[in-house]
Amino acid sequence: MQAMKHPFSGRTGIDRDVGFEYRRKLGNYVRDHREKAGLTQREVGRAVGLSANAVSAIELGRNPIPPERYRSFADVFSIPHKVFAKYLMEYTDPWLFGLMYGEEKVAKHNLGQLPTRFRDTTDDL
């Protein structure tokens, strides 16, 4: 199964990686659930089909959770799929999250400060 490129991976603003804060939130979520379950990074990695280093990178916010592994992560932590999906959507696609759950939920993300997805492709138009 080939990994898909995550929408925030590698996106940079003027002086920072735009998706880092979001990946860090997800990483903390994964780490908290892993520790609550009493699992090591290696055990989680085996359960979801990743290396311990990959789990560490996710927890530190360096890498996003590969989309094809969402279900596996929810299952290993016994999180209902819809609960896990809603949390993921809030931090992987806050624009869609806002459409589905309302603008008041999106306000805490300061979306106006994030660059638009297509700014870099429309500058020359």
PDB file of N, CA and C in Angstrom:
ATOM      1  N   MET A   1       0.844  -1.167   0.000  1.00  0.00           N
ATOM      2  CA  MET A   1       0.000   0.000   0.000  1.00  0.00           C
ATOM      3  C   MET A   1       0.892   1.234   0.000  1.00  0.00           C
ATOM      4  N   GLN A   2       0.728   2.106  -0.984  1.00  0.00           N
ATOM      5  CA  GLN A   2       1.557   3.287  -1.102  1.00  0.00           C
ATOM      6  C   GLN A   2       1.000   4.405  -0.232  1.00  0.00           C
ATOM      7  N   ALA A   3       1.877   5.074   0.494  1.00  0.00           N
ATOM      8  CA  ALA A   3       1.459   6.162   1.360  1.00  0.00           C
ATOM      9  C   ALA A   3       1.067   7.377   0.523  1.00  0.00           C
ATOM     10  N   MET A   4       0.005   8.043   0.952  1.00  0.00           N
ATOM     11  CA  MET A   4      -0.443   9.254   0.290  1.00  0.00           C
ATOM     12  C   MET A   4       0.229  10.451   0.959  1.00  0.00           C
ATOM     13  N   LYS A   5       0.497  11.497   0.196  1.00  0.00           N
ATOM     14  CA  LYS A   5       1.082  12.711   0.773  1.00  0.00           C
ATOM     15  C   LYS A   5       0.008  13.460   1.543  1.00  0.00           C
ATOM     16  N   HIS A   6       0.318  13.827   2.762  1.00  0.00           N
ATOM     17  CA  HIS A   6      -0.623  14.531   3.618  1.00  0.00           C
ATOM     18  C   HIS A   6      -0.737  15.990   3.195  1.00  0.00           C
ATOM     19  N   PRO A   7      -1.926  16.589   3.278  1.00  0.00           N
ATOM     20  CA  PRO A   7      -2.097  17.956   2.799  1.00  0.00           C
ATOM     21  C   PRO A   7      -1.206  18.993   3.473  1.00  0.00           C
ATOM     22  N   PHE A   8      -0.841  18.813   4.745  1.00  0.00           N
ATOM     23  CA  PHE A   8      -0.014  19.788   5.434  1.00  0.00           C
ATOM     24  C   PHE A   8       1.470  19.452   5.378  1.00  0.00           C
ATOM     25  N   SER A   9       1.852  18.265   4.964  1.00  0.00           N
ATOM     26  CA  SER A   9       3.265  17.909   5.032  1.00  0.00           C
ATOM     27  C   SER A   9       4.068  18.748   4.051  1.00  0.00           C
ATOM     28  N   GLY A  10       5.109  19.360   4.572  1.00  0.00           N
ATOM     29  CA  GLY A  10       5.996  20.155   3.740  1.00  0.00           C
ATOM     30  C   GLY A  10       5.495  21.548   3.405  1.00  0.00           C
ATOM     31  N   ARG A  11       4.292  21.911   3.809  1.00  0.00           N
ATOM     32  CA  ARG A  11       3.777  23.258   3.514  1.00  0.00           C
ATOM     33  C   ARG A  11       4.447  24.233   4.454  1.00  0.00           C
ATOM     34  N   THR A  12       4.978  25.288   3.916  1.00  0.00           N
ATOM     35  CA  THR A  12       5.664  26.257   4.762  1.00  0.00           C
ATOM     36  C   THR A  12       5.100  27.641   4.574  1.00  0.00           C
ATOM     37  N   GLY A  13       5.144  28.395   5.639  1.00  0.00           N
ATOM     38  CA  GLY A  13       4.788  29.805   5.579  1.00  0.00           C
ATOM     39  C   GLY A  13       6.068  30.588   5.368  1.00  0.00           C
ATOM     40  N   ILE A  14       6.039  31.846   5.731  1.00  0.00           N
ATOM     41  CA  ILE A  14       7.208  32.697   5.533  1.00  0.00           C
ATOM     42  C   ILE A  14       8.404  32.148   6.292  1.00  0.00           C
ATOM     43  N   ASP A  15       8.190  31.738   7.530  1.00  0.00           N
ATOM     44  CA  ASP A  15       9.321  31.281   8.330  1.00  0.00           C
ATOM     45  C   ASP A  15       9.026  30.021   9.129  1.00  0.00           C
ATOM     46  N   ARG A  16       7.966  29.288   8.759  1.00  0.00           N
ATOM     47  CA  ARG A  16       7.642  28.112   9.557  1.00  0.00           C
ATOM     48  C   ARG A  16       6.871  27.087   8.746  1.00  0.00           C
ATOM     49  N   ASP A  17       6.848  25.907   9.254  1.00  0.00           N
ATOM     50  CA  ASP A  17       6.070  24.817   8.686  1.00  0.00           C
ATOM     51  C   ASP A  17       4.634  25.003   9.148  1.00  0.00           C
ATOM     52  N   VAL A  18       3.734  25.286   8.222  1.00  0.00           N
ATOM     53  CA  VAL A  18       2.351  25.608   8.549  1.00  0.00           C
ATOM     54  C   VAL A  18       1.659  24.490   9.315  1.00  0.00           C
ATOM     55  N   GLY A  19       1.917  23.250   8.968  1.00  0.00           N
ATOM     56  CA  GLY A  19       1.205  22.144   9.584  1.00  0.00           C
ATOM     57  C   GLY A  19       1.787  21.640  10.878  1.00  0.00           C
ATOM     58  N   PHE A  20       2.922  22.185  11.315  1.00  0.00           N
ATOM     59  CA  PHE A  20       3.583  21.637  12.495  1.00  0.00           C
ATOM     60  C   PHE A  20       2.687  21.656  13.725  1.00  0.00           C
ATOM     61  N   GLU A  21       2.026  22.790  13.988  1.00  0.00           N
ATOM     62  CA  GLU A  21       1.191  22.882  15.183  1.00  0.00           C
ATOM     63  C   GLU A  21       0.084  21.838  15.162  1.00  0.00           C
ATOM     64  N   TYR A  22      -0.472  21.596  13.992  1.00  0.00           N
ATOM     65  CA  TYR A  22      -1.533  20.612  13.857  1.00  0.00           C
ATOM     66  C   TYR A  22      -0.990  19.199  14.052  1.00  0.00           C
ATOM     67  N   ARG A  23       0.152  18.913  13.419  1.00  0.00           N
ATOM     68  CA  ARG A  23       0.752  17.582  13.593  1.00  0.00           C
ATOM     69  C   ARG A  23       1.148  17.357  15.046  1.00  0.00           C
ATOM     70  N   ARG A  24       1.597  18.405  15.724  1.00  0.00           N
ATOM     71  CA  ARG A  24       1.991  18.296  17.128  1.00  0.00           C
ATOM     72  C   ARG A  24       0.780  17.951  17.994  1.00  0.00           C
ATOM     73  N   LYS A  25      -0.360  18.578  17.732  1.00  0.00           N
ATOM     74  CA  LYS A  25      -1.594  18.258  18.469  1.00  0.00           C
ATOM     75  C   LYS A  25      -1.947  16.787  18.292  1.00  0.00           C
ATOM     76  N   LEU A  26      -1.885  16.309  17.046  1.00  0.00           N
ATOM     77  CA  LEU A  26      -2.180  14.900  16.785  1.00  0.00           C
ATOM     78  C   LEU A  26      -1.149  14.000  17.447  1.00  0.00           C
ATOM     79  N   GLY A  27       0.108  14.410  17.421  1.00  0.00           N
ATOM     80  CA  GLY A  27       1.158  13.630  18.062  1.00  0.00           C
ATOM     81  C   GLY A  27       0.938  13.500  19.556  1.00  0.00           C
ATOM     82  N   ASN A  28       0.531  14.594  20.185  1.00  0.00           N
ATOM     83  CA  ASN A  28       0.231  14.547  21.620  1.00  0.00           C
ATOM     84  C   ASN A  28      -0.950  13.618  21.895  1.00  0.00           C
ATOM     85  N   TYR A  29      -1.938  13.662  21.020  1.00  0.00           N
ATOM     86  CA  TYR A  29      -3.116  12.801  21.145  1.00  0.00           C
ATOM     87  C   TYR A  29      -2.708  11.328  21.064  1.00  0.00           C
ATOM     88  N   VAL A  30      -1.856  11.007  20.097  1.00  0.00           N
ATOM     89  CA  VAL A  30      -1.373   9.632  19.941  1.00  0.00           C
ATOM     90  C   VAL A  30      -0.560   9.223  21.169  1.00  0.00           C
ATOM     91  N   ARG A  31       0.371  10.077  21.579  1.00  0.00           N
ATOM     92  CA  ARG A  31       1.204   9.751  22.743  1.00  0.00           C
ATOM     93  C   ARG A  31       0.361   9.543  23.999  1.00  0.00           C
ATOM     94  N   ASP A  32      -0.595  10.438  24.242  1.00  0.00           N
ATOM     95  CA  ASP A  32      -1.446  10.310  25.426  1.00  0.00           C
ATOM     96  C   ASP A  32      -2.214   8.995  25.426  1.00  0.00           C
ATOM     97  N   HIS A  33      -2.772   8.628  24.265  1.00  0.00           N
ATOM     98  CA  HIS A  33      -3.516   7.369  24.186  1.00  0.00           C
ATOM     99  C   HIS A  33      -2.584   6.157  24.286  1.00  0.00           C
ATOM    100  N   ARG A  34      -1.398   6.266  23.725  1.00  0.00           N
ATOM    101  CA  ARG A  34      -0.436   5.163  23.821  1.00  0.00           C
ATOM    102  C   ARG A  34      -0.044   4.937  25.272  1.00  0.00           C
ATOM    103  N   GLU A  35       0.269   6.013  25.975  1.00  0.00           N
ATOM    104  CA  GLU A  35       0.669   5.885  27.370  1.00  0.00           C
ATOM    105  C   GLU A  35      -0.479   5.383  28.238  1.00  0.00           C
ATOM    106  N   LYS A  36      -1.689   5.870  27.965  1.00  0.00           N
ATOM    107  CA  LYS A  36      -2.854   5.414  28.723  1.00  0.00           C
ATOM    108  C   LYS A  36      -3.090   3.915  28.518  1.00  0.00           C
ATOM    109  N   ALA A  37      -2.783   3.440  27.313  1.00  0.00           N
ATOM    110  CA  ALA A  37      -2.953   2.012  27.008  1.00  0.00           C
ATOM    111  C   ALA A  37      -1.778   1.179  27.522  1.00  0.00           C
ATOM    112  N   GLY A  38      -0.717   1.841  28.003  1.00  0.00           N
ATOM    113  CA  GLY A  38       0.450   1.125  28.506  1.00  0.00           C
ATOM    114  C   GLY A  38       1.271   0.461  27.414  1.00  0.00           C
ATOM    115  N   LEU A  39       1.276   1.070  26.231  1.00  0.00           N
ATOM    116  CA  LEU A  39       1.989   0.501  25.087  1.00  0.00           C
ATOM    117  C   LEU A  39       3.270   1.273  24.803  1.00  0.00           C
ATOM    118  N   THR A  40       4.242   0.595  24.225  1.00  0.00           N
ATOM    119  CA  THR A  40       5.464   1.258  23.766  1.00  0.00           C
ATOM    120  C   THR A  40       5.251   1.719  22.324  1.00  0.00           C
ATOM    121  N   GLN A  41       6.148   2.566  21.851  1.00  0.00           N
ATOM    122  CA  GLN A  41       6.082   2.987  20.454  1.00  0.00           C
ATOM    123  C   GLN A  41       6.263   1.792  19.528  1.00  0.00           C
ATOM    124  N   ARG A  42       7.111   0.874  19.921  1.00  0.00           N
ATOM    125  CA  ARG A  42       7.332  -0.325  19.117  1.00  0.00           C
ATOM    126  C   ARG A  42       6.046  -1.159  19.015  1.00  0.00           C
ATOM    127  N   GLU A  43       5.338  -1.320  20.132  1.00  0.00           N
ATOM    128  CA  GLU A  43       4.096  -2.107  20.124  1.00  0.00           C
ATOM    129  C   GLU A  43       3.028  -1.443  19.261  1.00  0.00           C
ATOM    130  N   VAL A  44       2.921  -0.124  19.370  1.00  0.00           N
ATOM    131  CA  VAL A  44       1.958   0.600  18.520  1.00  0.00           C
ATOM    132  C   VAL A  44       2.362   0.458  17.060  1.00  0.00           C
ATOM    133  N   GLY A  45       3.645   0.619  16.787  1.00  0.00           N
ATOM    134  CA  GLY A  45       4.128   0.490  15.413  1.00  0.00           C
ATOM    135  C   GLY A  45       3.793  -0.862  14.808  1.00  0.00           C
ATOM    136  N   ARG A  46       4.029  -1.906  15.565  1.00  0.00           N
ATOM    137  CA  ARG A  46       3.698  -3.253  15.062  1.00  0.00           C
ATOM    138  C   ARG A  46       2.201  -3.391  14.791  1.00  0.00           C
ATOM    139  N   ALA A  47       1.393  -2.823  15.682  1.00  0.00           N
ATOM    140  CA  ALA A  47      -0.062  -2.944  15.537  1.00  0.00           C
ATOM    141  C   ALA A  47      -0.596  -2.179  14.331  1.00  0.00           C
ATOM    142  N   VAL A  48       0.058  -1.078  13.976  1.00  0.00           N
ATOM    143  CA  VAL A  48      -0.454  -0.262  12.866  1.00  0.00           C
ATOM    144  C   VAL A  48       0.354  -0.414  11.590  1.00  0.00           C
ATOM    145  N   GLY A  49       1.428  -1.207  11.639  1.00  0.00           N
ATOM    146  CA  GLY A  49       2.227  -1.446  10.439  1.00  0.00           C
ATOM    147  C   GLY A  49       3.276  -0.385  10.167  1.00  0.00           C
ATOM    148  N   LEU A  50       3.797   0.241  11.224  1.00  0.00           N
ATOM    149  CA  LEU A  50       4.849   1.246  11.090  1.00  0.00           C
ATOM    150  C   LEU A  50       6.006   0.892  12.012  1.00  0.00           C
ATOM    151  N   SER A  51       7.136   1.540  11.810  1.00  0.00           N
ATOM    152  CA  SER A  51       8.271   1.337  12.704  1.00  0.00           C
ATOM    153  C   SER A  51       8.087   2.172  13.974  1.00  0.00           C
ATOM    154  N   ALA A  52       8.846   1.824  15.007  1.00  0.00           N
ATOM    155  CA  ALA A  52       8.835   2.619  16.239  1.00  0.00           C
ATOM    156  C   ALA A  52       9.307   4.044  15.942  1.00  0.00           C
ATOM    157  N   ASN A  53      10.269   4.186  15.037  1.00  0.00           N
ATOM    158  CA  ASN A  53      10.750   5.520  14.660  1.00  0.00           C
ATOM    159  C   ASN A  53       9.648   6.347  14.000  1.00  0.00           C
ATOM    160  N   ALA A  54       8.822   5.706  13.191  1.00  0.00           N
ATOM    161  CA  ALA A  54       7.716   6.418  12.545  1.00  0.00           C
ATOM    162  C   ALA A  54       6.696   6.879  13.581  1.00  0.00           C
ATOM    163  N   VAL A  55       6.411   6.032  14.570  1.00  0.00           N
ATOM    164  CA  VAL A  55       5.483   6.417  15.639  1.00  0.00           C
ATOM    165  C   VAL A  55       6.072   7.586  16.428  1.00  0.00           C
ATOM    166  N   SER A  56       7.362   7.531  16.710  1.00  0.00           N
ATOM    167  CA  SER A  56       8.028   8.630  17.415  1.00  0.00           C
ATOM    168  C   SER A  56       7.909   9.930  16.625  1.00  0.00           C
ATOM    169  N   ALA A  57       8.140   9.876  15.324  1.00  0.00           N
ATOM    170  CA  ALA A  57       8.055  11.074  14.478  1.00  0.00           C
ATOM    171  C   ALA A  57       6.638  11.640  14.473  1.00  0.00           C
ATOM    172  N   ILE A  58       5.634  10.775  14.508  1.00  0.00           N
ATOM    173  CA  ILE A  58       4.237  11.225  14.582  1.00  0.00           C
ATOM    174  C   ILE A  58       3.996  11.915  15.924  1.00  0.00           C
ATOM    175  N   GLU A  59       4.441  11.293  17.000  1.00  0.00           N
ATOM    176  CA  GLU A  59       4.238  11.862  18.326  1.00  0.00           C
ATOM    177  C   GLU A  59       4.935  13.213  18.496  1.00  0.00           C
ATOM    178  N   LEU A  60       6.060  13.403  17.846  1.00  0.00           N
ATOM    179  CA  LEU A  60       6.806  14.654  17.944  1.00  0.00           C
ATOM    180  C   LEU A  60       6.298  15.719  16.969  1.00  0.00           C
ATOM    181  N   GLY A  61       5.371  15.352  16.094  1.00  0.00           N
ATOM    182  CA  GLY A  61       4.821  16.304  15.134  1.00  0.00           C
ATOM    183  C   GLY A  61       5.654  16.463  13.883  1.00  0.00           C
ATOM    184  N   ARG A  62       6.662  15.620  13.715  1.00  0.00           N
ATOM    185  CA  ARG A  62       7.493  15.716  12.512  1.00  0.00           C
ATOM    186  C   ARG A  62       6.786  15.135  11.300  1.00  0.00           C
ATOM    187  N   ASN A  63       5.998  14.101  11.508  1.00  0.00           N
ATOM    188  CA  ASN A  63       5.270  13.446  10.413  1.00  0.00           C
ATOM    189  C   ASN A  63       3.802  13.321  10.768  1.00  0.00           C
ATOM    190  N   PRO A  64       2.933  13.402   9.761  1.00  0.00           N
ATOM    191  CA  PRO A  64       1.511  13.178  10.013  1.00  0.00           C
ATOM    192  C   PRO A  64       1.221  11.680  10.098  1.00  0.00           C
ATOM    193  N   ILE A  65       0.071  11.342  10.612  1.00  0.00           N
ATOM    194  CA  ILE A  65      -0.380   9.951  10.580  1.00  0.00           C
ATOM    195  C   ILE A  65      -0.743   9.645   9.132  1.00  0.00           C
ATOM    196  N   PRO A  66      -0.191   8.584   8.550  1.00  0.00           N
ATOM    197  CA  PRO A  66      -0.574   8.248   7.174  1.00  0.00           C
ATOM    198  C   PRO A  66      -2.083   7.936   7.110  1.00  0.00           C
ATOM    199  N   PRO A  67      -2.799   8.535   6.168  1.00  0.00           N
ATOM    200  CA  PRO A  67      -4.248   8.327   6.097  1.00  0.00           C
ATOM    201  C   PRO A  67      -4.670   6.862   6.044  1.00  0.00           C
ATOM    202  N   GLU A  68      -3.862   6.043   5.392  1.00  0.00           N
ATOM    203  CA  GLU A  68      -4.235   4.626   5.305  1.00  0.00           C
ATOM    204  C   GLU A  68      -4.071   3.906   6.646  1.00  0.00           C
ATOM    205  N   ARG A  69      -3.544   4.585   7.656  1.00  0.00           N
ATOM    206  CA  ARG A  69      -3.357   4.003   8.989  1.00  0.00           C
ATOM    207  C   ARG A  69      -4.342   4.554  10.023  1.00  0.00           C
ATOM    208  N   TYR A  70      -5.225   5.466   9.638  1.00  0.00           N
ATOM    209  CA  TYR A  70      -6.170   6.046  10.588  1.00  0.00           C
ATOM    210  C   TYR A  70      -6.948   4.971  11.348  1.00  0.00           C
ATOM    211  N   ARG A  71      -7.528   4.045  10.619  1.00  0.00           N
ATOM    212  CA  ARG A  71      -8.343   2.995  11.245  1.00  0.00           C
ATOM    213  C   ARG A  71      -7.508   2.165  12.215  1.00  0.00           C
ATOM    214  N   SER A  72      -6.284   1.844  11.829  1.00  0.00           N
ATOM    215  CA  SER A  72      -5.413   1.040  12.689  1.00  0.00           C
ATOM    216  C   SER A  72      -5.094   1.756  13.991  1.00  0.00           C
ATOM    217  N   PHE A  73      -4.821   3.061  13.900  1.00  0.00           N
ATOM    218  CA  PHE A  73      -4.540   3.825  15.120  1.00  0.00           C
ATOM    219  C   PHE A  73      -5.776   3.855  16.024  1.00  0.00           C
ATOM    220  N   ALA A  74      -6.943   4.096  15.462  1.00  0.00           N
ATOM    221  CA  ALA A  74      -8.167   4.110  16.272  1.00  0.00           C
ATOM    222  C   ALA A  74      -8.367   2.754  16.946  1.00  0.00           C
ATOM    223  N   ASP A  75      -8.144   1.693  16.194  1.00  0.00           N
ATOM    224  CA  ASP A  75      -8.352   0.348  16.740  1.00  0.00           C
ATOM    225  C   ASP A  75      -7.365   0.015  17.855  1.00  0.00           C
ATOM    226  N   VAL A  76      -6.100   0.346  17.682  1.00  0.00           N
ATOM    227  CA  VAL A  76      -5.100  -0.016  18.689  1.00  0.00           C
ATOM    228  C   VAL A  76      -5.378   0.713  20.009  1.00  0.00           C
ATOM    229  N   PHE A  77      -5.983   1.895  19.947  1.00  0.00           N
ATOM    230  CA  PHE A  77      -6.291   2.646  21.162  1.00  0.00           C
ATOM    231  C   PHE A  77      -7.743   2.473  21.602  1.00  0.00           C
ATOM    232  N   SER A  78      -8.488   1.635  20.897  1.00  0.00           N
ATOM    233  CA  SER A  78      -9.904   1.387  21.198  1.00  0.00           C
ATOM    234  C   SER A  78     -10.724   2.685  21.211  1.00  0.00           C
ATOM    235  N   ILE A  79     -10.442   3.534  20.251  1.00  0.00           N
ATOM    236  CA  ILE A  79     -11.194   4.779  20.089  1.00  0.00           C
ATOM    237  C   ILE A  79     -12.226   4.537  18.992  1.00  0.00           C
ATOM    238  N   PRO A  80     -13.496   4.866  19.228  1.00  0.00           N
ATOM    239  CA  PRO A  80     -14.486   4.708  18.157  1.00  0.00           C
ATOM    240  C   PRO A  80     -14.035   5.463  16.900  1.00  0.00           C
ATOM    241  N   HIS A  81     -14.233   4.852  15.755  1.00  0.00           N
ATOM    242  CA  HIS A  81     -13.754   5.427  14.494  1.00  0.00           C
ATOM    243  C   HIS A  81     -14.256   6.843  14.272  1.00  0.00           C
ATOM    244  N   LYS A  82     -15.526   7.113  14.566  1.00  0.00           N
ATOM    245  CA  LYS A  82     -16.072   8.456  14.337  1.00  0.00           C
ATOM    246  C   LYS A  82     -15.433   9.488  15.256  1.00  0.00           C
ATOM    247  N   VAL A  83     -15.140   9.114  16.486  1.00  0.00           N
ATOM    248  CA  VAL A  83     -14.485  10.033  17.421  1.00  0.00           C
ATOM    249  C   VAL A  83     -13.076  10.342  16.936  1.00  0.00           C
ATOM    250  N   PHE A  84     -12.357   9.314  16.531  1.00  0.00           N
ATOM    251  CA  PHE A  84     -11.000   9.494  16.029  1.00  0.00           C
ATOM    252  C   PHE A  84     -11.014  10.333  14.752  1.00  0.00           C
ATOM    253  N   ALA A  85     -11.948  10.041  13.861  1.00  0.00           N
ATOM    254  CA  ALA A  85     -12.045  10.775  12.588  1.00  0.00           C
ATOM    255  C   ALA A  85     -12.348  12.249  12.826  1.00  0.00           C
ATOM    256  N   LYS A  86     -13.223  12.549  13.762  1.00  0.00           N
ATOM    257  CA  LYS A  86     -13.557  13.943  14.044  1.00  0.00           C
ATOM    258  C   LYS A  86     -12.329  14.684  14.577  1.00  0.00           C
ATOM    259  N   TYR A  87     -11.588  14.051  15.477  1.00  0.00           N
ATOM    260  CA  TYR A  87     -10.387  14.685  16.013  1.00  0.00           C
ATOM    261  C   TYR A  87      -9.359  14.891  14.895  1.00  0.00           C
ATOM    262  N   LEU A  88      -9.168  13.873  14.068  1.00  0.00           N
ATOM    263  CA  LEU A  88      -8.240  13.991  12.945  1.00  0.00           C
ATOM    264  C   LEU A  88      -8.636  15.123  12.008  1.00  0.00           C
ATOM    265  N   MET A  89      -9.916  15.199  11.689  1.00  0.00           N
ATOM    266  CA  MET A  89     -10.377  16.228  10.763  1.00  0.00           C
ATOM    267  C   MET A  89     -10.124  17.616  11.333  1.00  0.00           C
ATOM    268  N   GLU A  90     -10.316  17.783  12.627  1.00  0.00           N
ATOM    269  CA  GLU A  90     -10.107  19.093  13.230  1.00  0.00           C
ATOM    270  C   GLU A  90      -8.667  19.570  13.026  1.00  0.00           C
ATOM    271  N   TYR A  91      -7.716  18.639  13.054  1.00  0.00           N
ATOM    272  CA  TYR A  91      -6.310  19.025  12.968  1.00  0.00           C
ATOM    273  C   TYR A  91      -5.643  18.691  11.636  1.00  0.00           C
ATOM    274  N   THR A  92      -6.301  17.997  10.742  1.00  0.00           N
ATOM    275  CA  THR A  92      -5.717  17.746   9.428  1.00  0.00           C
ATOM    276  C   THR A  92      -6.399  18.553   8.340  1.00  0.00           C
ATOM    277  N   ASP A  93      -7.671  18.891   8.549  1.00  0.00           N
ATOM    278  CA  ASP A  93      -8.394  19.704   7.567  1.00  0.00           C
ATOM    279  C   ASP A  93      -9.367  20.619   8.310  1.00  0.00           C
ATOM    280  N   PRO A  94      -8.828  21.632   8.985  1.00  0.00           N
ATOM    281  CA  PRO A  94      -9.700  22.500   9.777  1.00  0.00           C
ATOM    282  C   PRO A  94     -10.735  23.245   8.942  1.00  0.00           C
ATOM    283  N   TRP A  95     -10.469  23.437   7.649  1.00  0.00           N
ATOM    284  CA  TRP A  95     -11.445  24.096   6.786  1.00  0.00           C
ATOM    285  C   TRP A  95     -12.689  23.221   6.637  1.00  0.00           C
ATOM    286  N   LEU A  96     -12.494  21.943   6.356  1.00  0.00           N
ATOM    287  CA  LEU A  96     -13.626  21.025   6.252  1.00  0.00           C
ATOM    288  C   LEU A  96     -14.306  20.849   7.603  1.00  0.00           C
ATOM    289  N   PHE A  97     -13.517  20.782   8.655  1.00  0.00           N
ATOM    290  CA  PHE A  97     -14.070  20.677  10.001  1.00  0.00           C
ATOM    291  C   PHE A  97     -15.007  21.856  10.261  1.00  0.00           C
ATOM    292  N   GLY A  98     -14.597  23.051   9.864  1.00  0.00           N
ATOM    293  CA  GLY A  98     -15.433  24.229  10.045  1.00  0.00           C
ATOM    294  C   GLY A  98     -16.734  24.152   9.275  1.00  0.00           C
ATOM    295  N   LEU A  99     -16.672  23.623   8.057  1.00  0.00           N
ATOM    296  CA  LEU A  99     -17.898  23.459   7.271  1.00  0.00           C
ATOM    297  C   LEU A  99     -18.864  22.495   7.945  1.00  0.00           C
ATOM    298  N   MET A 100     -18.322  21.456   8.542  1.00  0.00           N
ATOM    299  CA  MET A 100     -19.170  20.427   9.133  1.00  0.00           C
ATOM    300  C   MET A 100     -19.633  20.756  10.550  1.00  0.00           C
ATOM    301  N   TYR A 101     -18.798  21.433  11.325  1.00  0.00           N
ATOM    302  CA  TYR A 101     -19.106  21.613  12.742  1.00  0.00           C
ATOM    303  C   TYR A 101     -19.269  23.059  13.171  1.00  0.00           C
ATOM    304  N   GLY A 102     -19.171  23.991  12.255  1.00  0.00           N
ATOM    305  CA  GLY A 102     -19.445  25.378  12.568  1.00  0.00           C
ATOM    306  C   GLY A 102     -18.218  26.236  12.766  1.00  0.00           C
ATOM    307  N   GLU A 103     -18.397  27.506  12.454  1.00  0.00           N
ATOM    308  CA  GLU A 103     -17.301  28.458  12.506  1.00  0.00           C
ATOM    309  C   GLU A 103     -16.762  28.681  13.911  1.00  0.00           C
ATOM    310  N   GLU A 104     -17.614  28.569  14.942  1.00  0.00           N
ATOM    311  CA  GLU A 104     -17.118  28.800  16.296  1.00  0.00           C
ATOM    312  C   GLU A 104     -16.038  27.800  16.689  1.00  0.00           C
ATOM    313  N   LYS A 105     -16.112  26.601  16.159  1.00  0.00           N
ATOM    314  CA  LYS A 105     -15.097  25.593  16.443  1.00  0.00           C
ATOM    315  C   LYS A 105     -13.781  25.923  15.743  1.00  0.00           C
ATOM    316  N   VAL A 106     -13.872  26.598  14.601  1.00  0.00           N
ATOM    317  CA  VAL A 106     -12.697  26.888  13.802  1.00  0.00           C
ATOM    318  C   VAL A 106     -11.962  28.121  14.318  1.00  0.00           C
ATOM    319  N   ALA A 107     -12.658  28.986  15.037  1.00  0.00           N
ATOM    320  CA  ALA A 107     -12.057  30.240  15.494  1.00  0.00           C
ATOM    321  C   ALA A 107     -10.776  30.007  16.290  1.00  0.00           C
ATOM    322  N   LYS A 108     -10.725  28.947  17.061  1.00  0.00           N
ATOM    323  CA  LYS A 108      -9.535  28.706  17.885  1.00  0.00           C
ATOM    324  C   LYS A 108      -8.312  28.358  17.041  1.00  0.00           C
ATOM    325  N   HIS A 109      -8.495  28.044  15.769  1.00  0.00           N
ATOM    326  CA  HIS A 109      -7.380  27.680  14.900  1.00  0.00           C
ATOM    327  C   HIS A 109      -6.779  28.874  14.176  1.00  0.00           C
ATOM    328  N   ASN A 110      -7.399  30.062  14.295  1.00  0.00           N
ATOM    329  CA  ASN A 110      -6.884  31.255  13.619  1.00  0.00           C
ATOM    330  C   ASN A 110      -6.644  30.987  12.132  1.00  0.00           C
ATOM    331  N   LEU A 111      -7.640  30.443  11.469  1.00  0.00           N
ATOM    332  CA  LEU A 111      -7.464  30.068  10.069  1.00  0.00           C
ATOM    333  C   LEU A 111      -7.130  31.244   9.166  1.00  0.00           C
ATOM    334  N   GLY A 112      -7.507  32.432   9.560  1.00  0.00           N
ATOM    335  CA  GLY A 112      -7.175  33.588   8.750  1.00  0.00           C
ATOM    336  C   GLY A 112      -5.672  33.814   8.640  1.00  0.00           C
ATOM    337  N   GLN A 113      -4.915  33.249   9.579  1.00  0.00           N
ATOM    338  CA  GLN A 113      -3.473  33.422   9.568  1.00  0.00           C
ATOM    339  C   GLN A 113      -2.769  32.381   8.702  1.00  0.00           C
ATOM    340  N   LEU A 114      -3.450  31.331   8.332  1.00  0.00           N
ATOM    341  CA  LEU A 114      -2.834  30.311   7.502  1.00  0.00           C
ATOM    342  C   LEU A 114      -2.888  30.724   6.038  1.00  0.00           C
ATOM    343  N   PRO A 115      -1.869  30.409   5.273  1.00  0.00           N
ATOM    344  CA  PRO A 115      -1.927  30.739   3.847  1.00  0.00           C
ATOM    345  C   PRO A 115      -2.997  29.899   3.161  1.00  0.00           C
ATOM    346  N   THR A 116      -3.597  30.473   2.120  1.00  0.00           N
ATOM    347  CA  THR A 116      -4.571  29.693   1.387  1.00  0.00           C
ATOM    348  C   THR A 116      -3.844  28.576   0.649  1.00  0.00           C
ATOM    349  N   ARG A 117      -4.535  27.501   0.402  1.00  0.00           N
ATOM    350  CA  ARG A 117      -3.921  26.345  -0.229  1.00  0.00           C
ATOM    351  C   ARG A 117      -3.419  26.649  -1.631  1.00  0.00           C
ATOM    352  N   PHE A 118      -4.062  27.580  -2.317  1.00  0.00           N
ATOM    353  CA  PHE A 118      -3.728  27.781  -3.715  1.00  0.00           C
ATOM    354  C   PHE A 118      -2.986  29.088  -3.977  1.00  0.00           C
ATOM    355  N   ARG A 119      -2.614  29.804  -2.938  1.00  0.00           N
ATOM    356  CA  ARG A 119      -1.924  31.073  -3.139  1.00  0.00           C
ATOM    357  C   ARG A 119      -0.677  30.883  -3.987  1.00  0.00           C
ATOM    358  N   ASP A 120       0.095  29.848  -3.685  1.00  0.00           N
ATOM    359  CA  ASP A 120       1.352  29.640  -4.422  1.00  0.00           C
ATOM    360  C   ASP A 120       1.119  29.253  -5.879  1.00  0.00           C
ATOM    361  N   THR A 121      -0.066  28.749  -6.206  1.00  0.00           N
ATOM    362  CA  THR A 121      -0.319  28.342  -7.593  1.00  0.00           C
ATOM    363  C   THR A 121      -1.035  29.428  -8.377  1.00  0.00           C
ATOM    364  N   THR A 122      -1.538  30.473  -7.687  1.00  0.00           N
ATOM    365  CA  THR A 122      -2.282  31.510  -8.403  1.00  0.00           C
ATOM    366  C   THR A 122      -1.533  32.826  -8.467  1.00  0.00           C
ATOM    367  N   ASP A 123      -0.373  32.915  -7.849  1.00  0.00           N
ATOM    368  CA  ASP A 123       0.383  34.173  -7.866  1.00  0.00           C
ATOM    369  C   ASP A 123       0.711  34.644  -9.270  1.00  0.00           C
ATOM    370  N   ASP A 124       0.959  33.725 -10.176  1.00  0.00           N
ATOM    371  CA  ASP A 124       1.362  34.098 -11.529  1.00  0.00           C
ATOM    372  C   ASP A 124       0.195  34.344 -12.472  1.00  0.00           C
ATOM    373  N   LEU A 125      -1.016  34.189 -12.014  1.00  0.00           N
ATOM    374  CA  LEU A 125      -2.187  34.369 -12.885  1.00  0.00           C
ATOM    375  C   LEU A 125      -2.503  35.810 -13.141  1.00  0.00           C
TER     376      LEU A 125
END
